[in-house]
C-alpha cells in the first residue's frame, strides 16, 4: 500500500536488470553495484510522472484497503 515500497521495488528491478546485463566476470562487484544504483536513482530523479502516478493512486489504495477490510488488495 505504501508508494515508497513501489519506488523501492522499481529501483531494485532496474538495478538487477543492469547487473544482469553486465558483461564482466566481476559484474557483482560493489563498485559496479554502486554505479548502477546511482544511474538508476539519477534516472528516476526526473521521472515526475512516476511520482505523480504513485501519489495520485493513494485514494484508490485507501479505497481498496477499506473494501478489503484491511485484508489483501491488488496493490
Protein backbone atom coordinates (compact mmCIF):
# COMPACT_ATOMS: atom_id res chain seq x y z
CA UNK A 1 0.00 0.00 0.00
CA UNK A 2 2.95 2.29 0.56
CA UNK A 3 4.14 4.18 -2.57
CA UNK A 4 7.67 4.23 -1.16
CA UNK A 5 7.69 0.43 -1.36
CA UNK A 6 6.78 0.72 -5.03
CA UNK A 7 9.74 3.03 -5.60
CA UNK A 8 11.98 0.57 -3.79
CA UNK A 9 10.77 -2.29 -5.98
CA UNK A 10 11.27 -0.23 -9.14
CA UNK A 11 14.82 0.69 -8.11
CA UNK A 12 15.59 -2.92 -7.21
CA UNK A 13 14.26 -4.26 -10.52
CA UNK A 14 16.14 -1.70 -12.61
CA UNK A 15 19.42 -2.29 -10.75
CA UNK A 16 19.04 -6.06 -11.07
CA UNK A 17 18.42 -5.64 -14.79
CA UNK A 18 21.59 -3.57 -15.18
CA UNK A 19 23.62 -6.01 -13.09
CA UNK A 20 22.45 -8.96 -15.17
CA UNK A 21 23.36 -7.09 -18.36
CA UNK A 22 26.96 -6.52 -17.19
CA UNK A 23 29.35 -8.39 -19.44
CA UNK A 24 32.19 -8.83 -16.96
CA UNK A 25 33.19 -11.57 -14.54
CA UNK A 26 33.17 -9.09 -11.68
CA UNK A 27 29.69 -7.79 -12.51
CA UNK A 28 28.56 -8.28 -8.91
CA UNK A 29 31.40 -6.12 -7.62
CA UNK A 30 30.45 -3.44 -5.06
CA UNK A 31 31.66 -0.59 -7.27
CA UNK A 32 29.60 -1.80 -10.23
CA UNK A 33 26.55 -2.15 -7.99
CA UNK A 34 27.09 1.36 -6.66
CA UNK A 35 27.50 2.79 -10.17
CA UNK A 36 24.35 1.06 -11.43
CA UNK A 37 22.36 2.18 -8.37
CA UNK A 38 23.50 5.77 -8.85
CA UNK A 39 22.48 5.64 -12.53
CA UNK A 40 19.02 4.29 -11.69
CA UNK A 41 18.46 6.87 -8.97
CA UNK A 42 19.58 9.66 -11.28
CA UNK A 43 17.18 8.45 -14.00
CA UNK A 44 14.27 8.24 -11.55
CA UNK A 45 15.02 11.63 -10.05
CA UNK A 46 13.43 13.39 -13.02
CA UNK A 47 10.60 10.91 -13.59
CA UNK A 48 7.89 13.24 -12.33
CA UNK A 49 5.13 11.17 -13.95
CA UNK A 50 6.05 8.14 -11.87
CA UNK A 51 5.85 10.08 -8.62
CA UNK A 52 2.62 11.81 -9.61
CA UNK A 53 1.05 8.47 -10.58
CA UNK A 54 2.04 6.91 -7.27
CA UNK A 55 0.75 9.83 -5.24
CA UNK A 56 -2.48 10.05 -7.23
CA UNK A 57 -3.09 6.34 -6.71
CA UNK A 58 -3.28 6.79 -2.94
CA UNK A 59 -7.05 7.35 -2.98
CA UNK A 60 -7.55 4.09 -4.92
CA UNK A 61 -5.21 2.32 -2.50
CA UNK A 62 -7.15 3.52 0.53
CA UNK A 63 -10.47 2.61 -1.11
CA UNK A 64 -9.20 -0.88 -1.94
CA UNK A 65 -7.91 -1.33 1.60
CA UNK A 66 -11.24 -0.19 3.03
CA UNK A 67 -13.17 -2.52 0.71
CA UNK A 68 -10.92 -5.43 1.73
CA UNK A 69 -11.48 -4.51 5.38
CA UNK A 70 -7.76 -4.36 5.94
CA UNK A 71 -7.12 -7.60 4.08
CA UNK A 72 -5.16 -8.22 0.91
CA UNK A 73 -5.55 -5.94 -2.10
CA UNK A 74 -4.16 -5.86 -5.65
CA UNK A 75 -1.81 -3.00 -4.82
